[in-house]
Amino acid sequence: MRRALEWAVCAALAMGLTSCGGAQVKGRPDPLPLLAAGKYKEARAAALVIEADGNAPPVNTAILALTFIAEPRGPGGGIDAAKALAARGGDHAALAGVEMVALTPKVPIPWDVDQSLLLVEAVLGGVGQGSYAPKPPPRAGDAGKLRELAVSLLETVSFAMSRADRPVSMDRMLDIWNGSFACLGGSLRGADAKQAWRLYRSLVSLALVLNRNEPAAELSKALLGSTVGAIEENPDISVAAKCDEASPFDELREAVRRDRDLRTRLETAVAAAAGCSRGFYAP
């Protein structure tokens, strides 16, 4: 049954995204079931054969990069994963990074905080951002694809940090935030309301975690400001930001209470939501 489920997921990926591990040639092993079985070296070898064809889809590159992250090799695995992504560069690397996030449930390892952050650092490096970026830097990707990548990565970081049982280096978090913000193009405007909502949700979760751990840190303050900025730049989500059941608005308001300017900006950003009651407003 497990193998049937793996192939069902593979088929879904093929229909909705790209072919699963690339077009299969008779007798050539498919790297995805190998990855899912924890056979990382075999999955890597199979993915490399497909990469050598020169027209491998992003999901194959994602599998290749994940084989490095999944093995207990520490930062060295992140460096190799970043190189695998950067070798293709451009839009391909950005799309492969999104695929990596989507494929993590297939990898039979516990995705603890360090492992999740390593994945994010490697993906950022693959598109030329952060300390894992190879030199010379890879080709830049399309702004829209990089924006989607940044949102996916910030969701990964915020999910991991919300479950962290110990503080994470603020220097490490700053490096991740700077790389993600660069992929956002320096703007907090979503391509549509759904993407804007995802961006806000990840930012507010991450900002509140860091603010609870180190409220005086500059990054904590910067992320609180960016959370408010995301509401300001995406007025379509202002009602959801204040009143949706999934929005920790009261905690956000309390976190910015002592910053008069930020508190005023927040209240102004959600002014259109005056009088709304808690419910379901997310786009």
C-alpha atoms as a PDB file:
ATOM      1  CA  MET A   1       0.000   0.000   0.000  1.00  0.00           C
ATOM      2  CA  ARG A   2       2.882   2.359   0.778  1.00  0.00           C
ATOM      3  CA  ARG A   3       4.317   1.891  -2.710  1.00  0.00           C
ATOM      4  CA  ALA A   4       0.877   2.482  -4.250  1.00  0.00           C
ATOM      5  CA  LEU A   5       0.610   5.714  -2.272  1.00  0.00           C
ATOM      6  CA  GLU A   6       4.057   6.807  -3.449  1.00  0.00           C
ATOM      7  CA  TRP A   7       3.086   6.318  -7.074  1.00  0.00           C
ATOM      8  CA  ALA A   8      -0.237   8.110  -6.495  1.00  0.00           C
ATOM      9  CA  VAL A   9       1.656  11.141  -5.159  1.00  0.00           C
ATOM     10  CA  CYS A  10       4.077  10.851  -8.062  1.00  0.00           C
ATOM     11  CA  ALA A  11       1.168  10.867 -10.533  1.00  0.00           C
ATOM     12  CA  ALA A  12      -0.362  13.901  -8.846  1.00  0.00           C
ATOM     13  CA  LEU A  13       2.932  15.747  -9.135  1.00  0.00           C
ATOM     14  CA  ALA A  14       3.166  14.785 -12.776  1.00  0.00           C
ATOM     15  CA  MET A  15      -0.315  16.104 -13.543  1.00  0.00           C
ATOM     16  CA  GLY A  16      -0.129  19.242 -11.459  1.00  0.00           C
ATOM     17  CA  LEU A  17       3.506  20.267 -11.689  1.00  0.00           C
ATOM     18  CA  THR A  18       6.001  18.390 -13.824  1.00  0.00           C
ATOM     19  CA  SER A  19       6.814  14.820 -14.691  1.00  0.00           C
ATOM     20  CA  CYS A  20       7.850  12.795 -11.655  1.00  0.00           C
ATOM     21  CA  GLY A  21      11.613  12.585 -11.772  1.00  0.00           C
ATOM     22  CA  GLY A  22      11.604  13.246 -15.507  1.00  0.00           C
ATOM     23  CA  ALA A  23      10.382  11.175 -18.421  1.00  0.00           C
ATOM     24  CA  GLN A  24      11.198   7.587 -17.541  1.00  0.00           C
ATOM     25  CA  VAL A  25      13.155   5.409 -19.923  1.00  0.00           C
ATOM     26  CA  LYS A  26      12.573   1.652 -19.766  1.00  0.00           C
ATOM     27  CA  GLY A  27      14.989   0.166 -17.264  1.00  0.00           C
ATOM     28  CA  ARG A  28      15.926   3.548 -15.750  1.00  0.00           C
ATOM     29  CA  PRO A  29      15.132   3.819 -12.024  1.00  0.00           C
ATOM     30  CA  ASP A  30      12.754   6.540 -10.866  1.00  0.00           C
ATOM     31  CA  PRO A  31      14.485   8.624  -8.159  1.00  0.00           C
ATOM     32  CA  LEU A  32      11.331   9.569  -6.233  1.00  0.00           C
ATOM     33  CA  PRO A  33      10.477   6.119  -4.804  1.00  0.00           C
ATOM     34  CA  LEU A  34      14.160   5.705  -3.951  1.00  0.00           C
ATOM     35  CA  LEU A  35      14.121   9.019  -2.079  1.00  0.00           C
ATOM     36  CA  ALA A  36      10.935   8.031  -0.268  1.00  0.00           C
ATOM     37  CA  ALA A  37      12.543   4.735   0.749  1.00  0.00           C
ATOM     38  CA  GLY A  38      15.528   6.533   2.258  1.00  0.00           C
ATOM     39  CA  LYS A  39      17.899   5.216  -0.421  1.00  0.00           C
ATOM     40  CA  TYR A  40      19.561   8.576  -0.909  1.00  0.00           C
ATOM     41  CA  LYS A  41      22.662   7.495  -2.805  1.00  0.00           C
ATOM     42  CA  GLU A  42      20.585   5.442  -5.249  1.00  0.00           C
ATOM     43  CA  ALA A  43      18.090   8.298  -5.666  1.00  0.00           C
ATOM     44  CA  ARG A  44      20.955  10.705  -6.289  1.00  0.00           C
ATOM     45  CA  ALA A  45      22.498   8.452  -8.913  1.00  0.00           C
ATOM     46  CA  ALA A  46      19.147   8.079 -10.682  1.00  0.00           C
ATOM     47  CA  ALA A  47      18.499  11.823 -10.577  1.00  0.00           C
ATOM     48  CA  LEU A  48      21.977  12.576 -11.926  1.00  0.00           C
ATOM     49  CA  VAL A  49      21.354  10.334 -14.935  1.00  0.00           C
ATOM     50  CA  ILE A  50      18.220  12.344 -15.732  1.00  0.00           C
ATOM     51  CA  GLU A  51      20.013  15.652 -15.139  1.00  0.00           C
ATOM     52  CA  ALA A  52      22.661  14.602 -17.655  1.00  0.00           C
ATOM     53  CA  ASP A  53      20.024  14.542 -20.387  1.00  0.00           C
ATOM     54  CA  GLY A  54      19.960  18.337 -20.234  1.00  0.00           C
ATOM     55  CA  ASN A  55      16.175  18.660 -20.090  1.00  0.00           C
ATOM     56  CA  ALA A  56      15.390  17.360 -16.615  1.00  0.00           C
ATOM     57  CA  PRO A  57      12.313  18.964 -15.009  1.00  0.00           C
ATOM     58  CA  PRO A  58      12.630  21.018 -11.806  1.00  0.00           C
ATOM     59  CA  VAL A  59      11.193  18.190  -9.691  1.00  0.00           C
ATOM     60  CA  ASN A  60      14.160  15.987 -10.631  1.00  0.00           C
ATOM     61  CA  THR A  61      16.610  18.696  -9.576  1.00  0.00           C
ATOM     62  CA  ALA A  62      14.626  19.037  -6.349  1.00  0.00           C
ATOM     63  CA  ILE A  63      15.003  15.310  -5.659  1.00  0.00           C
ATOM     64  CA  LEU A  64      18.731  15.523  -6.360  1.00  0.00           C
ATOM     65  CA  ALA A  65      19.156  18.450  -3.940  1.00  0.00           C
ATOM     66  CA  LEU A  66      17.020  16.760  -1.276  1.00  0.00           C
ATOM     67  CA  THR A  67      19.272  13.711  -1.259  1.00  0.00           C
ATOM     68  CA  PHE A  68      22.049  15.934   0.083  1.00  0.00           C
ATOM     69  CA  ILE A  69      19.826  17.545   2.744  1.00  0.00           C
ATOM     70  CA  ALA A  70      18.353  14.220   3.914  1.00  0.00           C
ATOM     71  CA  GLU A  71      21.706  12.660   4.752  1.00  0.00           C
ATOM     72  CA  PRO A  72      23.185  13.604   8.152  1.00  0.00           C
ATOM     73  CA  ARG A  73      26.066  15.619   6.717  1.00  0.00           C
ATOM     74  CA  GLY A  74      25.374  18.983   8.323  1.00  0.00           C
ATOM     75  CA  PRO A  75      26.272  22.185   6.459  1.00  0.00           C
ATOM     76  CA  GLY A  76      28.196  20.228   3.822  1.00  0.00           C
ATOM     77  CA  GLY A  77      24.947  18.717   2.613  1.00  0.00           C
ATOM     78  CA  GLY A  78      23.430  22.188   2.340  1.00  0.00           C
ATOM     79  CA  ILE A  79      26.358  23.396   0.251  1.00  0.00           C
ATOM     80  CA  ASP A  80      26.054  20.448  -2.140  1.00  0.00           C
ATOM     81  CA  ALA A  81      22.281  20.961  -2.411  1.00  0.00           C
ATOM     82  CA  ALA A  82      22.783  24.643  -3.223  1.00  0.00           C
ATOM     83  CA  LYS A  83      25.309  23.730  -5.917  1.00  0.00           C
ATOM     84  CA  ALA A  84      22.881  21.234  -7.450  1.00  0.00           C
ATOM     85  CA  LEU A  85      20.230  23.939  -7.729  1.00  0.00           C
ATOM     86  CA  ALA A  86      22.613  26.663  -8.874  1.00  0.00           C
ATOM     87  CA  ALA A  87      23.987  24.453 -11.651  1.00  0.00           C
ATOM     88  CA  ARG A  88      20.708  24.963 -13.506  1.00  0.00           C
ATOM     89  CA  GLY A  89      20.138  28.529 -12.315  1.00  0.00           C
ATOM     90  CA  GLY A  90      17.398  30.933 -13.337  1.00  0.00           C
ATOM     91  CA  ASP A  91      13.747  29.928 -13.276  1.00  0.00           C
ATOM     92  CA  HIS A  92      14.673  26.248 -13.038  1.00  0.00           C
ATOM     93  CA  ALA A  93      16.385  26.726  -9.671  1.00  0.00           C
ATOM     94  CA  ALA A  94      13.458  28.737  -8.291  1.00  0.00           C
ATOM     95  CA  LEU A  95      10.909  26.148  -9.425  1.00  0.00           C
ATOM     96  CA  ALA A  96      13.070  23.318  -8.067  1.00  0.00           C
ATOM     97  CA  GLY A  97      13.218  25.096  -4.706  1.00  0.00           C
ATOM     98  CA  VAL A  98       9.420  25.223  -4.516  1.00  0.00           C
ATOM     99  CA  GLU A  99       9.338  21.524  -5.445  1.00  0.00           C
ATOM    100  CA  MET A 100      11.788  20.739  -2.629  1.00  0.00           C
ATOM    101  CA  VAL A 101       9.428  22.242  -0.071  1.00  0.00           C
ATOM    102  CA  ALA A 102       6.510  20.280  -1.549  1.00  0.00           C
ATOM    103  CA  LEU A 103       8.468  17.015  -1.512  1.00  0.00           C
ATOM    104  CA  THR A 104       9.682  17.152   2.098  1.00  0.00           C
ATOM    105  CA  PRO A 105       6.772  14.988   3.365  1.00  0.00           C
ATOM    106  CA  LYS A 106       8.099  12.223   1.106  1.00  0.00           C
ATOM    107  CA  VAL A 107      11.507  12.125   2.801  1.00  0.00           C
ATOM    108  CA  PRO A 108      11.640   9.611   5.688  1.00  0.00           C
ATOM    109  CA  ILE A 109      13.580  11.755   8.138  1.00  0.00           C
ATOM    110  CA  PRO A 110      12.397  13.893  11.057  1.00  0.00           C
ATOM    111  CA  TRP A 111      12.313  17.478   9.808  1.00  0.00           C
ATOM    112  CA  ASP A 112      13.493  19.201  12.938  1.00  0.00           C
ATOM    113  CA  VAL A 113      14.245  22.904  13.096  1.00  0.00           C
ATOM    114  CA  ASP A 114      17.887  22.612  12.031  1.00  0.00           C
ATOM    115  CA  GLN A 115      17.044  20.366   9.095  1.00  0.00           C
ATOM    116  CA  SER A 116      14.255  22.684   7.923  1.00  0.00           C
ATOM    117  CA  LEU A 117      16.470  25.757   8.169  1.00  0.00           C
ATOM    118  CA  LEU A 118      19.259  23.952   6.337  1.00  0.00           C
ATOM    119  CA  LEU A 119      16.863  23.221   3.484  1.00  0.00           C
ATOM    120  CA  VAL A 120      15.857  26.892   3.329  1.00  0.00           C
ATOM    121  CA  GLU A 121      19.480  28.047   3.388  1.00  0.00           C
ATOM    122  CA  ALA A 122      20.381  25.617   0.615  1.00  0.00           C
ATOM    123  CA  VAL A 123      17.485  26.727  -1.583  1.00  0.00           C
ATOM    124  CA  LEU A 124      18.356  30.378  -1.070  1.00  0.00           C
ATOM    125  CA  GLY A 125      21.947  29.568  -1.966  1.00  0.00           C
ATOM    126  CA  GLY A 126      20.731  27.857  -5.135  1.00  0.00           C
ATOM    127  CA  VAL A 127      19.204  31.118  -6.343  1.00  0.00           C
ATOM    128  CA  GLY A 128      22.214  33.181  -5.328  1.00  0.00           C
ATOM    129  CA  GLN A 129      21.194  34.380  -1.869  1.00  0.00           C
ATOM    130  CA  GLY A 130      22.728  33.941   1.570  1.00  0.00           C
ATOM    131  CA  SER A 131      25.867  32.283   2.847  1.00  0.00           C
ATOM    132  CA  TYR A 132      25.322  29.093   0.810  1.00  0.00           C
ATOM    133  CA  ALA A 133      25.335  30.898  -2.529  1.00  0.00           C
ATOM    134  CA  PRO A 134      28.118  29.600  -4.780  1.00  0.00           C
ATOM    135  CA  LYS A 135      30.534  31.839  -6.649  1.00  0.00           C
ATOM    136  CA  PRO A 136      30.056  32.983  -9.318  1.00  0.00           C
ATOM    137  CA  PRO A 137      26.353  33.424  -8.526  1.00  0.00           C
ATOM    138  CA  PRO A 138      23.823  31.524 -10.644  1.00  0.00           C
ATOM    139  CA  ARG A 139      21.601  33.168 -13.243  1.00  0.00           C
ATOM    140  CA  ALA A 140      18.743  35.149 -11.735  1.00  0.00           C
ATOM    141  CA  GLY A 141      15.203  33.835 -12.093  1.00  0.00           C
ATOM    142  CA  ASP A 142      11.898  35.451 -12.999  1.00  0.00           C
ATOM    143  CA  ALA A 143      10.659  37.852 -10.314  1.00  0.00           C
ATOM    144  CA  GLY A 144       7.297  36.098  -9.981  1.00  0.00           C
ATOM    145  CA  LYS A 145       8.869  32.669  -9.527  1.00  0.00           C
ATOM    146  CA  LEU A 146      11.334  34.015  -6.977  1.00  0.00           C
ATOM    147  CA  ARG A 147       8.472  35.647  -5.073  1.00  0.00           C
ATOM    148  CA  GLU A 148       6.577  32.347  -4.877  1.00  0.00           C
ATOM    149  CA  LEU A 149       9.786  30.666  -3.754  1.00  0.00           C
ATOM    150  CA  ALA A 150      10.295  33.239  -0.998  1.00  0.00           C
ATOM    151  CA  VAL A 151       6.750  32.759   0.293  1.00  0.00           C
ATOM    152  CA  SER A 152       7.179  28.966   0.341  1.00  0.00           C
ATOM    153  CA  LEU A 153      10.471  29.274   2.207  1.00  0.00           C
ATOM    154  CA  LEU A 154       9.085  31.718   4.768  1.00  0.00           C
ATOM    155  CA  GLU A 155       6.203  29.325   5.388  1.00  0.00           C
ATOM    156  CA  THR A 156       8.754  26.587   6.031  1.00  0.00           C
ATOM    157  CA  VAL A 157      10.756  28.757   8.420  1.00  0.00           C
ATOM    158  CA  SER A 158       7.739  29.998  10.356  1.00  0.00           C
ATOM    159  CA  PHE A 159       6.341  26.467  10.704  1.00  0.00           C
ATOM    160  CA  ALA A 160       9.687  25.168  11.968  1.00  0.00           C
ATOM    161  CA  MET A 161      10.243  28.058  14.374  1.00  0.00           C
ATOM    162  CA  SER A 162       6.745  27.768  15.820  1.00  0.00           C
ATOM    163  CA  ARG A 163       7.767  24.295  16.992  1.00  0.00           C
ATOM    164  CA  ALA A 164      11.314  25.117  18.101  1.00  0.00           C
ATOM    165  CA  ASP A 165      12.147  24.070  21.651  1.00  0.00           C
ATOM    166  CA  ARG A 166      15.219  26.289  21.863  1.00  0.00           C
ATOM    167  CA  PRO A 167      16.348  29.649  20.437  1.00  0.00           C
ATOM    168  CA  VAL A 168      17.984  29.769  17.012  1.00  0.00           C
ATOM    169  CA  SER A 169      20.940  32.022  16.225  1.00  0.00           C
ATOM    170  CA  MET A 170      19.662  35.460  15.244  1.00  0.00           C
ATOM    171  CA  ASP A 171      22.542  35.782  12.794  1.00  0.00           C
ATOM    172  CA  ARG A 172      21.273  32.669  11.043  1.00  0.00           C
ATOM    173  CA  MET A 173      17.719  33.992  10.998  1.00  0.00           C
ATOM    174  CA  LEU A 174      18.915  37.346   9.680  1.00  0.00           C
ATOM    175  CA  ASP A 175      20.739  35.641   6.827  1.00  0.00           C
ATOM    176  CA  ILE A 176      17.576  33.712   5.933  1.00  0.00           C
ATOM    177  CA  TRP A 177      15.395  36.809   6.156  1.00  0.00           C
ATOM    178  CA  ASN A 178      17.736  38.909   4.019  1.00  0.00           C
ATOM    179  CA  GLY A 179      17.830  36.202   1.345  1.00  0.00           C
ATOM    180  CA  SER A 180      14.065  35.756   1.409  1.00  0.00           C
ATOM    181  CA  PHE A 181      13.449  39.508   1.231  1.00  0.00           C
ATOM    182  CA  ALA A 182      15.779  39.719  -1.758  1.00  0.00           C
ATOM    183  CA  CYS A 183      13.735  37.002  -3.483  1.00  0.00           C
ATOM    184  CA  LEU A 184      10.606  39.031  -2.708  1.00  0.00           C
ATOM    185  CA  GLY A 185      12.195  41.815  -4.726  1.00  0.00           C
ATOM    186  CA  GLY A 186      12.208  44.124  -1.726  1.00  0.00           C
ATOM    187  CA  SER A 187       8.407  44.297  -1.802  1.00  0.00           C
ATOM    188  CA  LEU A 188       5.782  42.783   0.483  1.00  0.00           C
ATOM    189  CA  ARG A 189       3.093  42.945  -2.185  1.00  0.00           C
ATOM    190  CA  GLY A 190       1.619  39.549  -3.075  1.00  0.00           C
ATOM    191  CA  ALA A 191       0.872  38.538  -6.651  1.00  0.00           C
ATOM    192  CA  ASP A 192      -2.741  38.043  -5.530  1.00  0.00           C
ATOM    193  CA  ALA A 193      -4.718  38.011  -2.296  1.00  0.00           C
ATOM    194  CA  LYS A 194      -4.005  34.328  -1.611  1.00  0.00           C
ATOM    195  CA  GLN A 195      -0.247  34.770  -1.893  1.00  0.00           C
ATOM    196  CA  ALA A 196      -0.449  37.962   0.180  1.00  0.00           C
ATOM    197  CA  TRP A 197      -2.311  36.065   2.894  1.00  0.00           C
ATOM    198  CA  ARG A 198       0.288  33.290   2.917  1.00  0.00           C
ATOM    199  CA  LEU A 199       3.046  35.884   3.189  1.00  0.00           C
ATOM    200  CA  TYR A 200       1.309  37.672   6.049  1.00  0.00           C
ATOM    201  CA  ARG A 201       0.634  34.411   7.910  1.00  0.00           C
ATOM    202  CA  SER A 202       4.262  33.330   7.700  1.00  0.00           C
ATOM    203  CA  LEU A 203       5.583  36.762   8.667  1.00  0.00           C
ATOM    204  CA  VAL A 204       3.290  37.251  11.644  1.00  0.00           C
ATOM    205  CA  SER A 205       4.061  33.762  12.977  1.00  0.00           C
ATOM    206  CA  LEU A 206       7.808  34.228  12.614  1.00  0.00           C
ATOM    207  CA  ALA A 207       7.769  37.785  13.987  1.00  0.00           C
ATOM    208  CA  LEU A 208       5.844  36.776  17.093  1.00  0.00           C
ATOM    209  CA  VAL A 209       8.133  33.812  17.820  1.00  0.00           C
ATOM    210  CA  LEU A 210      11.263  35.943  17.567  1.00  0.00           C
ATOM    211  CA  ASN A 211       9.641  38.744  19.552  1.00  0.00           C
ATOM    212  CA  ARG A 212       8.830  36.330  22.372  1.00  0.00           C
ATOM    213  CA  ASN A 213      12.393  34.983  22.382  1.00  0.00           C
ATOM    214  CA  GLU A 214      14.359  38.194  21.860  1.00  0.00           C
ATOM    215  CA  PRO A 215      12.094  41.263  21.853  1.00  0.00           C
ATOM    216  CA  ALA A 216      14.987  43.708  21.867  1.00  0.00           C
ATOM    217  CA  ALA A 217      16.676  42.209  18.794  1.00  0.00           C
ATOM    218  CA  GLU A 218      16.697  44.356  15.672  1.00  0.00           C
ATOM    219  CA  LEU A 219      15.466  41.447  13.554  1.00  0.00           C
ATOM    220  CA  SER A 220      12.453  40.959  15.827  1.00  0.00           C
ATOM    221  CA  LYS A 221      11.547  44.612  15.380  1.00  0.00           C
ATOM    222  CA  ALA A 222      12.183  44.460  11.625  1.00  0.00           C
ATOM    223  CA  LEU A 223       9.908  41.456  11.181  1.00  0.00           C
ATOM    224  CA  LEU A 224       7.135  43.079  13.189  1.00  0.00           C
ATOM    225  CA  GLY A 225       7.463  46.077  10.877  1.00  0.00           C
ATOM    226  CA  SER A 226       7.407  43.821   7.826  1.00  0.00           C
ATOM    227  CA  THR A 227       4.268  42.093   9.109  1.00  0.00           C
ATOM    228  CA  VAL A 228       2.495  45.437   9.359  1.00  0.00           C
ATOM    229  CA  GLY A 229       3.956  46.367   5.968  1.00  0.00           C
ATOM    230  CA  ALA A 230       2.439  43.233   4.434  1.00  0.00           C
ATOM    231  CA  ILE A 231      -1.020  44.375   5.551  1.00  0.00           C
ATOM    232  CA  GLU A 232      -0.373  47.904   4.291  1.00  0.00           C
ATOM    233  CA  GLU A 233       0.787  46.711   0.872  1.00  0.00           C
ATOM    234  CA  ASN A 234      -2.072  44.240   0.520  1.00  0.00           C
ATOM    235  CA  PRO A 235      -5.277  46.020   1.563  1.00  0.00           C
ATOM    236  CA  ASP A 236      -7.344  43.085   0.275  1.00  0.00           C
ATOM    237  CA  ILE A 237      -6.278  41.074   3.327  1.00  0.00           C
ATOM    238  CA  SER A 238      -6.848  43.772   5.946  1.00  0.00           C
ATOM    239  CA  VAL A 239     -10.157  42.319   7.152  1.00  0.00           C
ATOM    240  CA  ALA A 240      -8.679  38.820   7.307  1.00  0.00           C
ATOM    241  CA  ALA A 241      -5.591  40.089   9.124  1.00  0.00           C
ATOM    242  CA  LYS A 242      -7.730  41.582  11.879  1.00  0.00           C
ATOM    243  CA  CYS A 243     -10.630  39.168  12.133  1.00  0.00           C
ATOM    244  CA  ASP A 244      -9.834  35.782  10.607  1.00  0.00           C
ATOM    245  CA  GLU A 245      -9.641  32.929  13.101  1.00  0.00           C
ATOM    246  CA  ALA A 246      -6.170  32.048  11.796  1.00  0.00           C
ATOM    247  CA  SER A 247      -4.727  35.514  12.367  1.00  0.00           C
ATOM    248  CA  PRO A 248      -3.090  36.186  15.762  1.00  0.00           C
ATOM    249  CA  PHE A 249      -4.052  39.844  15.533  1.00  0.00           C
ATOM    250  CA  ASP A 250      -4.430  40.467  19.263  1.00  0.00           C
ATOM    251  CA  GLU A 251      -0.945  39.097  19.901  1.00  0.00           C
ATOM    252  CA  LEU A 252       0.439  41.227  17.067  1.00  0.00           C
ATOM    253  CA  ARG A 253      -1.246  44.324  18.490  1.00  0.00           C
ATOM    254  CA  GLU A 254       0.241  43.595  21.911  1.00  0.00           C
ATOM    255  CA  ALA A 255       3.714  43.042  20.396  1.00  0.00           C
ATOM    256  CA  VAL A 256       3.730  46.517  18.796  1.00  0.00           C
ATOM    257  CA  ARG A 257       2.005  48.261  21.721  1.00  0.00           C
ATOM    258  CA  ARG A 258       5.119  50.123  22.891  1.00  0.00           C
ATOM    259  CA  ASP A 259       6.095  51.265  19.384  1.00  0.00           C
ATOM    260  CA  ARG A 260       3.799  54.214  18.824  1.00  0.00           C
ATOM    261  CA  ASP A 261       4.546  54.574  15.112  1.00  0.00           C
ATOM    262  CA  LEU A 262       4.125  50.885  14.355  1.00  0.00           C
ATOM    263  CA  ARG A 263       0.971  50.668  16.470  1.00  0.00           C
ATOM    264  CA  THR A 264      -0.534  53.583  14.536  1.00  0.00           C
ATOM    265  CA  ARG A 265       0.425  52.018  11.208  1.00  0.00           C
ATOM    266  CA  LEU A 266      -1.195  48.728  12.224  1.00  0.00           C
ATOM    267  CA  GLU A 267      -4.464  50.340  13.298  1.00  0.00           C
ATOM    268  CA  THR A 268      -4.565  52.401  10.101  1.00  0.00           C
ATOM    269  CA  ALA A 269      -3.865  49.330   7.956  1.00  0.00           C
ATOM    270  CA  VAL A 270      -6.882  47.468   9.381  1.00  0.00           C
ATOM    271  CA  ALA A 271      -9.208  50.474   9.619  1.00  0.00           C
ATOM    272  CA  ALA A 272     -11.445  48.963   6.929  1.00  0.00           C
ATOM    273  CA  ALA A 273     -12.106  46.024   9.257  1.00  0.00           C
ATOM    274  CA  ALA A 274     -13.710  48.152  11.978  1.00  0.00           C
ATOM    275  CA  GLY A 275     -16.537  46.285  13.644  1.00  0.00           C
ATOM    276  CA  CYS A 276     -15.849  42.868  12.137  1.00  0.00           C
ATOM    277  CA  SER A 277     -16.164  39.859  14.396  1.00  0.00           C
ATOM    278  CA  ARG A 278     -13.953  36.787  14.475  1.00  0.00           C
ATOM    279  CA  GLY A 279     -14.712  34.412  11.624  1.00  0.00           C
ATOM    280  CA  PHE A 280     -13.365  33.131   8.327  1.00  0.00           C
ATOM    281  CA  TYR A 281     -12.237  35.864   5.960  1.00  0.00           C
ATOM    282  CA  ALA A 282      -9.074  34.408   4.451  1.00  0.00           C
ATOM    283  CA  PRO A 283      -8.902  34.608   0.639  1.00  0.00           C
END
